[in-house]
């Protein structure tokens, strides 16, 4: 695992998350804000959204808060209709954890595998950050180390990335925030899986949240298999 850049209390994280949800929900009633990525680049994004994915290996529907920070850090927190945390995922370098706080249990896997279990296709946290931020290194394609690592991107007349594909996965931007090409509604598809994600609020390069990627508290939790965690998530939802 990479050295952890930030550390803190998970309790503070939950409190901060609740405040964030309230602010995000309030902002949803307003017109979409004008979003322009910083000229210095997008190193992190934080926000609130909704998602619906269905396929042979995944089925997800609901609202969530997210935070992604380069390189390879992330947190996604899913909520029930009353705004209570069902579970959250922490991405920390080469490791990913799915935590169910009310049951004090967790599962562990690699980030790509953890994302694949929920969405039906594998992505790395940094790839999600680039999709959400609408900012990609290079021109029409994004090259990264390793096999099967070529993203092909299509842009419109304004230079916005409107479509991308990799290893059978395709995303298509159906709606942008006013501003400079930041996606608001994104469709995803691959054989056997399809879904939609809508970003309700987004912030670029937010101040660090020391508690967001902390996992030391898991020493007091019980590790479960993925099959056991799936059953618990269904019961909690």
C-alpha atoms as a PDB file:
ATOM      1  CA  UNK A   1       0.000   0.000   0.000  1.00  0.00           C
ATOM      2  CA  UNK A   2       1.180   3.530  -0.672  1.00  0.00           C
ATOM      3  CA  UNK A   3       2.034   5.748   2.259  1.00  0.00           C
ATOM      4  CA  UNK A   4      -1.194   7.318   3.402  1.00  0.00           C
ATOM      5  CA  UNK A   5      -1.156  11.088   2.755  1.00  0.00           C
ATOM      6  CA  UNK A   6      -3.888  11.888   5.231  1.00  0.00           C
ATOM      7  CA  UNK A   7      -5.078  10.431   8.520  1.00  0.00           C
ATOM      8  CA  UNK A   8      -7.732  11.203  11.107  1.00  0.00           C
ATOM      9  CA  UNK A   9     -10.920  10.129  12.855  1.00  0.00           C
ATOM     10  CA  UNK A  10     -13.678   8.207  10.992  1.00  0.00           C
ATOM     11  CA  UNK A  11     -16.257   9.810  13.285  1.00  0.00           C
ATOM     12  CA  UNK A  12     -15.303  13.245  12.003  1.00  0.00           C
ATOM     13  CA  UNK A  13     -15.594  11.837   8.487  1.00  0.00           C
ATOM     14  CA  UNK A  14     -19.193  10.768   9.043  1.00  0.00           C
ATOM     15  CA  UNK A  15     -20.101  14.129  10.553  1.00  0.00           C
ATOM     16  CA  UNK A  16     -18.473  15.968   7.674  1.00  0.00           C
ATOM     17  CA  UNK A  17     -20.266  13.670   5.260  1.00  0.00           C
ATOM     18  CA  UNK A  18     -23.658  14.455   6.795  1.00  0.00           C
ATOM     19  CA  UNK A  19     -23.011  18.188   6.505  1.00  0.00           C
ATOM     20  CA  UNK A  20     -21.864  17.735   2.935  1.00  0.00           C
ATOM     21  CA  UNK A  21     -25.045  15.831   2.042  1.00  0.00           C
ATOM     22  CA  UNK A  22     -27.247  18.587   3.465  1.00  0.00           C
ATOM     23  CA  UNK A  23     -25.397  21.261   1.511  1.00  0.00           C
ATOM     24  CA  UNK A  24     -25.428  19.181  -1.671  1.00  0.00           C
ATOM     25  CA  UNK A  25     -29.149  18.499  -1.431  1.00  0.00           C
ATOM     26  CA  UNK A  26     -29.819  22.190  -0.952  1.00  0.00           C
ATOM     27  CA  UNK A  27     -27.758  22.997  -4.032  1.00  0.00           C
ATOM     28  CA  UNK A  28     -29.704  20.479  -6.128  1.00  0.00           C
ATOM     29  CA  UNK A  29     -32.756  22.737  -6.043  1.00  0.00           C
ATOM     30  CA  UNK A  30     -30.848  25.540  -7.744  1.00  0.00           C
ATOM     31  CA  UNK A  31     -29.764  25.861 -11.347  1.00  0.00           C
ATOM     32  CA  UNK A  32     -26.574  23.947 -12.213  1.00  0.00           C
ATOM     33  CA  UNK A  33     -23.528  26.081 -11.395  1.00  0.00           C
ATOM     34  CA  UNK A  34     -21.012  27.211 -13.982  1.00  0.00           C
ATOM     35  CA  UNK A  35     -17.990  24.924 -13.625  1.00  0.00           C
ATOM     36  CA  UNK A  36     -14.585  25.696 -15.088  1.00  0.00           C
ATOM     37  CA  UNK A  37     -11.669  23.390 -14.147  1.00  0.00           C
ATOM     38  CA  UNK A  38      -8.686  25.244 -12.665  1.00  0.00           C
ATOM     39  CA  UNK A  39      -5.943  26.205 -15.090  1.00  0.00           C
ATOM     40  CA  UNK A  40      -3.425  24.433 -12.879  1.00  0.00           C
ATOM     41  CA  UNK A  41      -5.173  21.088 -13.463  1.00  0.00           C
ATOM     42  CA  UNK A  42      -7.590  18.839 -11.625  1.00  0.00           C
ATOM     43  CA  UNK A  43      -5.891  16.912  -8.842  1.00  0.00           C
ATOM     44  CA  UNK A  44      -9.067  16.065  -6.924  1.00  0.00           C
ATOM     45  CA  UNK A  45     -12.849  16.217  -7.198  1.00  0.00           C
ATOM     46  CA  UNK A  46     -15.561  15.999  -4.557  1.00  0.00           C
ATOM     47  CA  UNK A  47     -19.288  16.007  -4.996  1.00  0.00           C
ATOM     48  CA  UNK A  48     -22.666  14.387  -4.753  1.00  0.00           C
ATOM     49  CA  UNK A  49     -24.586  12.390  -7.352  1.00  0.00           C
ATOM     50  CA  UNK A  50     -26.961   9.602  -8.226  1.00  0.00           C
ATOM     51  CA  UNK A  51     -26.377   6.401 -10.132  1.00  0.00           C
ATOM     52  CA  UNK A  52     -28.293   3.496 -11.608  1.00  0.00           C
ATOM     53  CA  UNK A  53     -26.462   0.457 -13.013  1.00  0.00           C
ATOM     54  CA  UNK A  54     -27.830  -2.912 -14.015  1.00  0.00           C
ATOM     55  CA  UNK A  55     -26.114  -5.923 -15.544  1.00  0.00           C
ATOM     56  CA  UNK A  56     -25.143  -9.550 -15.259  1.00  0.00           C
ATOM     57  CA  UNK A  57     -22.689  -8.891 -12.435  1.00  0.00           C
ATOM     58  CA  UNK A  58     -23.898  -5.657 -10.834  1.00  0.00           C
ATOM     59  CA  UNK A  59     -27.000  -3.793  -9.746  1.00  0.00           C
ATOM     60  CA  UNK A  60     -26.713  -0.385  -8.086  1.00  0.00           C
ATOM     61  CA  UNK A  61     -29.209   2.412  -7.621  1.00  0.00           C
ATOM     62  CA  UNK A  62     -29.113   5.372  -5.248  1.00  0.00           C
ATOM     63  CA  UNK A  63     -27.398   8.576  -4.160  1.00  0.00           C
ATOM     64  CA  UNK A  64     -23.797   8.909  -3.109  1.00  0.00           C
ATOM     65  CA  UNK A  65     -21.066  11.334  -2.131  1.00  0.00           C
ATOM     66  CA  UNK A  66     -17.627  10.998  -3.669  1.00  0.00           C
ATOM     67  CA  UNK A  67     -14.082  12.212  -3.267  1.00  0.00           C
ATOM     68  CA  UNK A  68     -11.216  11.269  -5.588  1.00  0.00           C
ATOM     69  CA  UNK A  69      -7.660  12.523  -5.277  1.00  0.00           C
ATOM     70  CA  UNK A  70      -4.579  11.660  -7.331  1.00  0.00           C
ATOM     71  CA  UNK A  71      -2.774   9.353  -7.264  1.00  0.00           C
ATOM     72  CA  UNK A  72      -5.223   6.508  -6.638  1.00  0.00           C
ATOM     73  CA  UNK A  73      -7.141   7.757  -3.611  1.00  0.00           C
ATOM     74  CA  UNK A  74     -10.905   7.837  -3.330  1.00  0.00           C
ATOM     75  CA  UNK A  75     -13.966   7.530  -1.173  1.00  0.00           C
ATOM     76  CA  UNK A  76     -17.560   6.800  -2.216  1.00  0.00           C
ATOM     77  CA  UNK A  77     -20.341   6.859   0.367  1.00  0.00           C
ATOM     78  CA  UNK A  78     -23.805   5.435  -0.420  1.00  0.00           C
ATOM     79  CA  UNK A  79     -26.972   6.572   1.363  1.00  0.00           C
ATOM     80  CA  UNK A  80     -30.452   5.237   1.987  1.00  0.00           C
ATOM     81  CA  UNK A  81     -33.554   7.384   1.216  1.00  0.00           C
ATOM     82  CA  UNK A  82     -33.296   8.977   4.685  1.00  0.00           C
ATOM     83  CA  UNK A  83     -29.726  10.110   4.066  1.00  0.00           C
ATOM     84  CA  UNK A  84     -28.124   7.515   6.354  1.00  0.00           C
ATOM     85  CA  UNK A  85     -24.886   5.822   5.324  1.00  0.00           C
ATOM     86  CA  UNK A  86     -25.397   2.290   4.011  1.00  0.00           C
ATOM     87  CA  UNK A  87     -21.746   1.655   3.185  1.00  0.00           C
ATOM     88  CA  UNK A  88     -18.672   3.438   1.957  1.00  0.00           C
ATOM     89  CA  UNK A  89     -15.694   2.444  -0.146  1.00  0.00           C
ATOM     90  CA  UNK A  90     -12.183   3.676   0.526  1.00  0.00           C
ATOM     91  CA  UNK A  91      -9.556   3.480  -2.210  1.00  0.00           C
ATOM     92  CA  UNK A  92      -6.037   3.712  -0.854  1.00  0.00           C
ATOM     93  CA  UNK A  93      -3.333   3.021  -3.406  1.00  0.00           C
ATOM     94  CA  UNK A  94      -3.360  -0.698  -4.227  1.00  0.00           C
ATOM     95  CA  UNK A  95      -6.104  -1.519  -1.730  1.00  0.00           C
ATOM     96  CA  UNK A  96      -9.833  -0.924  -1.566  1.00  0.00           C
ATOM     97  CA  UNK A  97     -12.182  -1.448   1.369  1.00  0.00           C
ATOM     98  CA  UNK A  98     -15.949  -1.651   1.502  1.00  0.00           C
ATOM     99  CA  UNK A  99     -17.120  -0.723   4.995  1.00  0.00           C
ATOM    100  CA  UNK A 100     -20.578  -1.183   6.530  1.00  0.00           C
ATOM    101  CA  UNK A 101     -20.308   0.987   9.655  1.00  0.00           C
ATOM    102  CA  UNK A 102     -23.600  -0.051  11.278  1.00  0.00           C
ATOM    103  CA  UNK A 103     -22.505  -3.695  11.226  1.00  0.00           C
ATOM    104  CA  UNK A 104     -18.791  -3.016  11.894  1.00  0.00           C
ATOM    105  CA  UNK A 105     -17.756  -5.269   9.010  1.00  0.00           C
ATOM    106  CA  UNK A 106     -15.694  -4.744   5.856  1.00  0.00           C
ATOM    107  CA  UNK A 107     -14.381  -6.471   2.732  1.00  0.00           C
ATOM    108  CA  UNK A 108     -11.058  -5.864   1.008  1.00  0.00           C
ATOM    109  CA  UNK A 109      -9.983  -6.138  -2.634  1.00  0.00           C
ATOM    110  CA  UNK A 110      -8.049  -4.301  -5.334  1.00  0.00           C
ATOM    111  CA  UNK A 111      -9.616  -1.004  -6.455  1.00  0.00           C
ATOM    112  CA  UNK A 112     -10.444  -2.190  -9.989  1.00  0.00           C
ATOM    113  CA  UNK A 113     -12.082  -5.350  -8.657  1.00  0.00           C
ATOM    114  CA  UNK A 114     -14.074  -3.456  -6.027  1.00  0.00           C
ATOM    115  CA  UNK A 115     -15.425  -0.992  -8.598  1.00  0.00           C
ATOM    116  CA  UNK A 116     -16.175  -3.859 -10.977  1.00  0.00           C
ATOM    117  CA  UNK A 117     -18.252  -5.670  -8.373  1.00  0.00           C
ATOM    118  CA  UNK A 118     -20.572  -2.665  -8.118  1.00  0.00           C
ATOM    119  CA  UNK A 119     -20.659  -1.227 -11.628  1.00  0.00           C
ATOM    120  CA  UNK A 120     -20.052  -4.346 -13.701  1.00  0.00           C
ATOM    121  CA  UNK A 121     -16.829  -2.990 -15.240  1.00  0.00           C
ATOM    122  CA  UNK A 122     -13.401  -2.167 -13.875  1.00  0.00           C
ATOM    123  CA  UNK A 123     -12.069   1.360 -13.532  1.00  0.00           C
ATOM    124  CA  UNK A 124      -9.281   2.833 -11.453  1.00  0.00           C
ATOM    125  CA  UNK A 125     -10.013   5.757  -9.115  1.00  0.00           C
ATOM    126  CA  UNK A 126      -7.892   8.126 -11.220  1.00  0.00           C
ATOM    127  CA  UNK A 127      -9.892   7.198 -14.337  1.00  0.00           C
ATOM    128  CA  UNK A 128     -13.138   8.052 -12.564  1.00  0.00           C
ATOM    129  CA  UNK A 129     -11.594  11.375 -11.536  1.00  0.00           C
ATOM    130  CA  UNK A 130     -10.756  12.175 -15.164  1.00  0.00           C
ATOM    131  CA  UNK A 131     -14.233  11.235 -16.396  1.00  0.00           C
ATOM    132  CA  UNK A 132     -15.973  13.322 -13.727  1.00  0.00           C
ATOM    133  CA  UNK A 133     -13.645  16.286 -14.177  1.00  0.00           C
ATOM    134  CA  UNK A 134     -13.747  16.209 -17.973  1.00  0.00           C
ATOM    135  CA  UNK A 135      -9.975  16.685 -17.975  1.00  0.00           C
ATOM    136  CA  UNK A 136      -7.725  14.186 -19.738  1.00  0.00           C
ATOM    137  CA  UNK A 137      -3.966  14.233 -20.205  1.00  0.00           C
ATOM    138  CA  UNK A 138      -2.868  14.246 -23.850  1.00  0.00           C
ATOM    139  CA  UNK A 139      -5.052  14.776 -26.880  1.00  0.00           C
ATOM    140  CA  UNK A 140      -7.459  12.283 -28.415  1.00  0.00           C
ATOM    141  CA  UNK A 141      -6.229   9.270 -26.456  1.00  0.00           C
ATOM    142  CA  UNK A 142      -5.021   8.577 -22.957  1.00  0.00           C
ATOM    143  CA  UNK A 143      -2.153   6.117 -22.639  1.00  0.00           C
ATOM    144  CA  UNK A 144      -1.333   4.450 -19.333  1.00  0.00           C
ATOM    145  CA  UNK A 145       1.032   1.616 -18.340  1.00  0.00           C
ATOM    146  CA  UNK A 146      -0.039  -1.977 -18.746  1.00  0.00           C
ATOM    147  CA  UNK A 147      -1.972  -4.075 -21.258  1.00  0.00           C
ATOM    148  CA  UNK A 148      -5.411  -3.041 -22.453  1.00  0.00           C
ATOM    149  CA  UNK A 149      -4.784   0.502 -21.281  1.00  0.00           C
ATOM    150  CA  UNK A 150      -5.741   2.653 -24.252  1.00  0.00           C
ATOM    151  CA  UNK A 151      -8.623   5.123 -23.938  1.00  0.00           C
ATOM    152  CA  UNK A 152     -10.010   6.437 -27.203  1.00  0.00           C
ATOM    153  CA  UNK A 153     -11.732   9.786 -26.737  1.00  0.00           C
ATOM    154  CA  UNK A 154     -14.069  11.723 -29.035  1.00  0.00           C
ATOM    155  CA  UNK A 155     -14.499  15.491 -28.739  1.00  0.00           C
ATOM    156  CA  UNK A 156     -17.108  17.892 -30.053  1.00  0.00           C
ATOM    157  CA  UNK A 157     -16.508  21.160 -31.893  1.00  0.00           C
ATOM    158  CA  UNK A 158     -15.882  22.926 -28.594  1.00  0.00           C
ATOM    159  CA  UNK A 159     -13.173  20.468 -27.576  1.00  0.00           C
ATOM    160  CA  UNK A 160     -15.292  18.773 -24.912  1.00  0.00           C
ATOM    161  CA  UNK A 161     -14.861  15.026 -24.433  1.00  0.00           C
ATOM    162  CA  UNK A 162     -18.274  13.609 -25.348  1.00  0.00           C
ATOM    163  CA  UNK A 163     -17.434   9.923 -25.644  1.00  0.00           C
ATOM    164  CA  UNK A 164     -14.740   7.492 -24.595  1.00  0.00           C
ATOM    165  CA  UNK A 165     -14.038   3.801 -24.947  1.00  0.00           C
ATOM    166  CA  UNK A 166     -11.673   1.201 -23.538  1.00  0.00           C
ATOM    167  CA  UNK A 167     -11.704  -2.618 -23.483  1.00  0.00           C
ATOM    168  CA  UNK A 168     -15.377  -2.813 -24.515  1.00  0.00           C
ATOM    169  CA  UNK A 169     -16.523  -0.126 -22.060  1.00  0.00           C
ATOM    170  CA  UNK A 170     -18.065   3.027 -23.537  1.00  0.00           C
ATOM    171  CA  UNK A 171     -19.096   6.200 -21.756  1.00  0.00           C
ATOM    172  CA  UNK A 172     -21.127   8.966 -23.366  1.00  0.00           C
ATOM    173  CA  UNK A 173     -21.736  12.424 -21.912  1.00  0.00           C
ATOM    174  CA  UNK A 174     -25.403  13.373 -22.346  1.00  0.00           C
ATOM    175  CA  UNK A 175     -25.325  16.653 -20.426  1.00  0.00           C
ATOM    176  CA  UNK A 176     -22.641  19.122 -19.368  1.00  0.00           C
ATOM    177  CA  UNK A 177     -22.537  21.680 -16.594  1.00  0.00           C
ATOM    178  CA  UNK A 178     -22.518  25.240 -17.939  1.00  0.00           C
ATOM    179  CA  UNK A 179     -18.912  26.296 -18.324  1.00  0.00           C
ATOM    180  CA  UNK A 180     -16.054  24.321 -19.820  1.00  0.00           C
ATOM    181  CA  UNK A 181     -16.953  20.729 -20.607  1.00  0.00           C
ATOM    182  CA  UNK A 182     -17.562  19.213 -17.162  1.00  0.00           C
ATOM    183  CA  UNK A 183     -19.932  16.204 -17.455  1.00  0.00           C
ATOM    184  CA  UNK A 184     -23.221  16.280 -15.565  1.00  0.00           C
ATOM    185  CA  UNK A 185     -25.009  13.189 -16.948  1.00  0.00           C
ATOM    186  CA  UNK A 186     -22.992  10.215 -18.208  1.00  0.00           C
ATOM    187  CA  UNK A 187     -24.136   6.939 -19.746  1.00  0.00           C
ATOM    188  CA  UNK A 188     -21.970   3.830 -19.424  1.00  0.00           C
ATOM    189  CA  UNK A 189     -22.297   0.576 -21.351  1.00  0.00           C
ATOM    190  CA  UNK A 190     -20.479  -2.628 -22.089  1.00  0.00           C
ATOM    191  CA  UNK A 191     -21.790  -6.061 -23.122  1.00  0.00           C
ATOM    192  CA  UNK A 192     -24.183  -7.204 -20.388  1.00  0.00           C
ATOM    193  CA  UNK A 193     -24.056  -3.984 -18.343  1.00  0.00           C
ATOM    194  CA  UNK A 194     -25.420  -0.453 -18.683  1.00  0.00           C
ATOM    195  CA  UNK A 195     -25.968   2.468 -16.373  1.00  0.00           C
ATOM    196  CA  UNK A 196     -26.274   6.188 -15.838  1.00  0.00           C
ATOM    197  CA  UNK A 197     -24.571   8.582 -13.468  1.00  0.00           C
ATOM    198  CA  UNK A 198     -25.719  12.131 -12.752  1.00  0.00           C
ATOM    199  CA  UNK A 199     -23.503  14.592 -10.902  1.00  0.00           C
ATOM    200  CA  UNK A 200     -25.577  16.925  -8.750  1.00  0.00           C
ATOM    201  CA  UNK A 201     -22.725  18.990  -7.318  1.00  0.00           C
ATOM    202  CA  UNK A 202     -18.987  19.078  -7.943  1.00  0.00           C
ATOM    203  CA  UNK A 203     -15.964  20.830  -6.481  1.00  0.00           C
ATOM    204  CA  UNK A 204     -12.459  20.914  -7.954  1.00  0.00           C
ATOM    205  CA  UNK A 205      -9.346  20.486  -5.823  1.00  0.00           C
ATOM    206  CA  UNK A 206     -11.160  20.675  -2.466  1.00  0.00           C
ATOM    207  CA  UNK A 207      -9.142  21.130   0.726  1.00  0.00           C
ATOM    208  CA  UNK A 208      -7.747  17.818   2.019  1.00  0.00           C
ATOM    209  CA  UNK A 209     -10.053  15.823   4.290  1.00  0.00           C
ATOM    210  CA  UNK A 210      -7.607  14.012   6.597  1.00  0.00           C
ATOM    211  CA  UNK A 211     -10.231  11.524   7.759  1.00  0.00           C
ATOM    212  CA  UNK A 212     -11.448  10.491   4.303  1.00  0.00           C
ATOM    213  CA  UNK A 213      -8.908   7.744   3.592  1.00  0.00           C
ATOM    214  CA  UNK A 214      -8.230   6.578   7.143  1.00  0.00           C
ATOM    215  CA  UNK A 215      -8.497   2.801   7.654  1.00  0.00           C
ATOM    216  CA  UNK A 216      -6.818   2.171  11.017  1.00  0.00           C
ATOM    217  CA  UNK A 217     -10.262   1.864  12.643  1.00  0.00           C
ATOM    218  CA  UNK A 218     -10.795  -1.381  10.696  1.00  0.00           C
ATOM    219  CA  UNK A 219      -8.744  -3.139  13.356  1.00  0.00           C
ATOM    220  CA  UNK A 220     -11.923  -3.084  15.432  1.00  0.00           C
ATOM    221  CA  UNK A 221     -14.107  -4.305  12.533  1.00  0.00           C
ATOM    222  CA  UNK A 222     -14.604  -7.858  11.235  1.00  0.00           C
ATOM    223  CA  UNK A 223     -13.447  -8.787   7.756  1.00  0.00           C
ATOM    224  CA  UNK A 224     -16.042 -10.661   5.687  1.00  0.00           C
ATOM    225  CA  UNK A 225     -16.028 -12.411   2.331  1.00  0.00           C
ATOM    226  CA  UNK A 226     -17.524 -10.638  -0.643  1.00  0.00           C
ATOM    227  CA  UNK A 227     -20.519 -12.993  -0.628  1.00  0.00           C
ATOM    228  CA  UNK A 228     -21.219 -12.176   3.019  1.00  0.00           C
ATOM    229  CA  UNK A 229     -20.858  -8.441   2.382  1.00  0.00           C
ATOM    230  CA  UNK A 230     -23.288  -8.630  -0.539  1.00  0.00           C
ATOM    231  CA  UNK A 231     -25.944 -10.154   1.708  1.00  0.00           C
ATOM    232  CA  UNK A 232     -25.423  -7.472   4.351  1.00  0.00           C
ATOM    233  CA  UNK A 233     -25.588  -4.641   1.792  1.00  0.00           C
ATOM    234  CA  UNK A 234     -28.887  -6.027   0.444  1.00  0.00           C
ATOM    235  CA  UNK A 235     -30.303  -6.216   3.975  1.00  0.00           C
ATOM    236  CA  UNK A 236     -29.124  -2.690   4.821  1.00  0.00           C
ATOM    237  CA  UNK A 237     -30.538  -1.229   1.595  1.00  0.00           C
END
